[in-house]
Amino acid sequence: MRALIVKFFDMLKDKSSGKIGAAIAFVLALFLVIFGFFKTLFIIILTVVGYVVGALAFSDKDKIKDWMDKILPPGRFR
């Protein structure tokens, strides 16, 4: 998965910012046409929240382990 993401960002480095902006606008326009305004807004909000939570939580692997220990206490399976 990481290799796929790295490959995707390497591909984006070679493109101009105008093409990237046009692609983002095109995807946003498709979402607006297919889902409508409020559903698209909901998708964007959840995407941003997921990114923020992922960036904060997964930046330190010990945080995740401590969080998982609170939810699922270590037992005989670990």
C-alpha atoms as a PDB file:
ATOM      1  CA  MET A   1       0.000   0.000   0.000  1.00  0.00           C
ATOM      2  CA  ARG A   2       2.802   2.389   0.887  1.00  0.00           C
ATOM      3  CA  ALA A   3       4.489   1.744  -2.461  1.00  0.00           C
ATOM      4  CA  LEU A   4       1.253   2.620  -4.246  1.00  0.00           C
ATOM      5  CA  ILE A   5       0.956   5.916  -2.380  1.00  0.00           C
ATOM      6  CA  VAL A   6       4.607   6.780  -3.030  1.00  0.00           C
ATOM      7  CA  LYS A   7       4.141   5.981  -6.714  1.00  0.00           C
ATOM      8  CA  PHE A   8       1.015   8.181  -6.819  1.00  0.00           C
ATOM      9  CA  PHE A   9       2.821  11.162  -5.266  1.00  0.00           C
ATOM     10  CA  ASP A  10       5.806  10.682  -7.570  1.00  0.00           C
ATOM     11  CA  MET A  11       3.379  10.839 -10.471  1.00  0.00           C
ATOM     12  CA  LEU A  12       1.916  14.072  -9.082  1.00  0.00           C
ATOM     13  CA  LYS A  13       5.357  15.710  -8.815  1.00  0.00           C
ATOM     14  CA  ASP A  14       5.735  15.626 -12.584  1.00  0.00           C
ATOM     15  CA  LYS A  15       2.375  17.310 -13.253  1.00  0.00           C
ATOM     16  CA  SER A  16       1.692  21.012 -13.234  1.00  0.00           C
ATOM     17  CA  SER A  17      -0.374  22.532 -10.461  1.00  0.00           C
ATOM     18  CA  GLY A  18      -3.014  23.558 -13.002  1.00  0.00           C
ATOM     19  CA  LYS A  19      -3.659  19.954 -13.994  1.00  0.00           C
ATOM     20  CA  ILE A  20      -3.856  18.858 -10.359  1.00  0.00           C
ATOM     21  CA  GLY A  21      -6.305  21.666  -9.563  1.00  0.00           C
ATOM     22  CA  ALA A  22      -8.407  20.778 -12.593  1.00  0.00           C
ATOM     23  CA  ALA A  23      -8.517  17.121 -11.525  1.00  0.00           C
ATOM     24  CA  ILE A  24      -9.609  18.055  -7.997  1.00  0.00           C
ATOM     25  CA  ALA A  25     -12.293  20.385  -9.362  1.00  0.00           C
ATOM     26  CA  PHE A  26     -13.490  17.678 -11.746  1.00  0.00           C
ATOM     27  CA  VAL A  27     -13.826  15.124  -8.945  1.00  0.00           C
ATOM     28  CA  LEU A  28     -15.634  17.677  -6.775  1.00  0.00           C
ATOM     29  CA  ALA A  29     -18.005  18.484  -9.635  1.00  0.00           C
ATOM     30  CA  LEU A  30     -18.721  14.778 -10.163  1.00  0.00           C
ATOM     31  CA  PHE A  31     -19.484  14.355  -6.467  1.00  0.00           C
ATOM     32  CA  LEU A  32     -21.826  17.357  -6.569  1.00  0.00           C
ATOM     33  CA  VAL A  33     -23.684  16.012  -9.595  1.00  0.00           C
ATOM     34  CA  ILE A  34     -23.893  12.429  -8.358  1.00  0.00           C
ATOM     35  CA  PHE A  35     -24.534  12.947  -4.636  1.00  0.00           C
ATOM     36  CA  GLY A  36     -25.742  16.524  -4.249  1.00  0.00           C
ATOM     37  CA  PHE A  37     -24.380  19.371  -2.148  1.00  0.00           C
ATOM     38  CA  PHE A  38     -24.982  18.136   1.396  1.00  0.00           C
ATOM     39  CA  LYS A  39     -23.832  14.562   0.772  1.00  0.00           C
ATOM     40  CA  THR A  40     -20.691  15.882  -0.908  1.00  0.00           C
ATOM     41  CA  LEU A  41     -20.100  18.237   2.015  1.00  0.00           C
ATOM     42  CA  PHE A  42     -20.544  15.282   4.387  1.00  0.00           C
ATOM     43  CA  ILE A  43     -17.986  13.235   2.416  1.00  0.00           C
ATOM     44  CA  ILE A  44     -15.481  16.099   2.477  1.00  0.00           C
ATOM     45  CA  ILE A  45     -15.936  16.686   6.216  1.00  0.00           C
ATOM     46  CA  LEU A  46     -15.484  12.995   7.037  1.00  0.00           C
ATOM     47  CA  THR A  47     -12.413  12.844   4.807  1.00  0.00           C
ATOM     48  CA  VAL A  48     -10.817  15.803   6.584  1.00  0.00           C
ATOM     49  CA  VAL A  49     -11.688  14.407  10.023  1.00  0.00           C
ATOM     50  CA  GLY A  50     -10.250  11.026   9.028  1.00  0.00           C
ATOM     51  CA  TYR A  51      -7.058  12.642   7.824  1.00  0.00           C
ATOM     52  CA  VAL A  52      -6.633  14.679  11.017  1.00  0.00           C
ATOM     53  CA  VAL A  53      -7.346  11.713  13.289  1.00  0.00           C
ATOM     54  CA  GLY A  54      -5.026   9.509  11.267  1.00  0.00           C
ATOM     55  CA  ALA A  55      -2.248  12.077  11.263  1.00  0.00           C
ATOM     56  CA  LEU A  56      -2.485  12.621  15.008  1.00  0.00           C
ATOM     57  CA  ALA A  57      -3.078   9.034  16.087  1.00  0.00           C
ATOM     58  CA  PHE A  58      -0.778   7.191  13.731  1.00  0.00           C
ATOM     59  CA  SER A  59       2.173   9.555  14.013  1.00  0.00           C
ATOM     60  CA  ASP A  60       3.335   7.651  17.107  1.00  0.00           C
ATOM     61  CA  LYS A  61       2.979   3.867  17.195  1.00  0.00           C
ATOM     62  CA  ASP A  62       3.123   3.838  21.003  1.00  0.00           C
ATOM     63  CA  LYS A  63      -0.030   5.975  21.099  1.00  0.00           C
ATOM     64  CA  ILE A  64      -1.899   3.373  19.092  1.00  0.00           C
ATOM     65  CA  LYS A  65      -0.626   0.549  21.286  1.00  0.00           C
ATOM     66  CA  ASP A  66      -1.652   2.413  24.461  1.00  0.00           C
ATOM     67  CA  TRP A  67      -5.050   3.210  22.963  1.00  0.00           C
ATOM     68  CA  MET A  68      -5.592  -0.412  21.953  1.00  0.00           C
ATOM     69  CA  ASP A  69      -4.542  -1.551  25.441  1.00  0.00           C
ATOM     70  CA  LYS A  70      -7.262   0.666  26.910  1.00  0.00           C
ATOM     71  CA  ILE A  71      -9.905  -0.756  24.596  1.00  0.00           C
ATOM     72  CA  LEU A  72      -8.698  -4.358  24.527  1.00  0.00           C
ATOM     73  CA  PRO A  73      -6.606  -5.057  27.625  1.00  0.00           C
ATOM     74  CA  PRO A  74      -3.676  -7.376  27.021  1.00  0.00           C
ATOM     75  CA  GLY A  75      -4.618 -10.916  27.840  1.00  0.00           C
ATOM     76  CA  ARG A  76      -3.622 -14.387  26.931  1.00  0.00           C
ATOM     77  CA  PHE A  77      -3.751 -13.705  23.183  1.00  0.00           C
ATOM     78  CA  ARG A  78      -0.932 -11.126  23.193  1.00  0.00           C
END
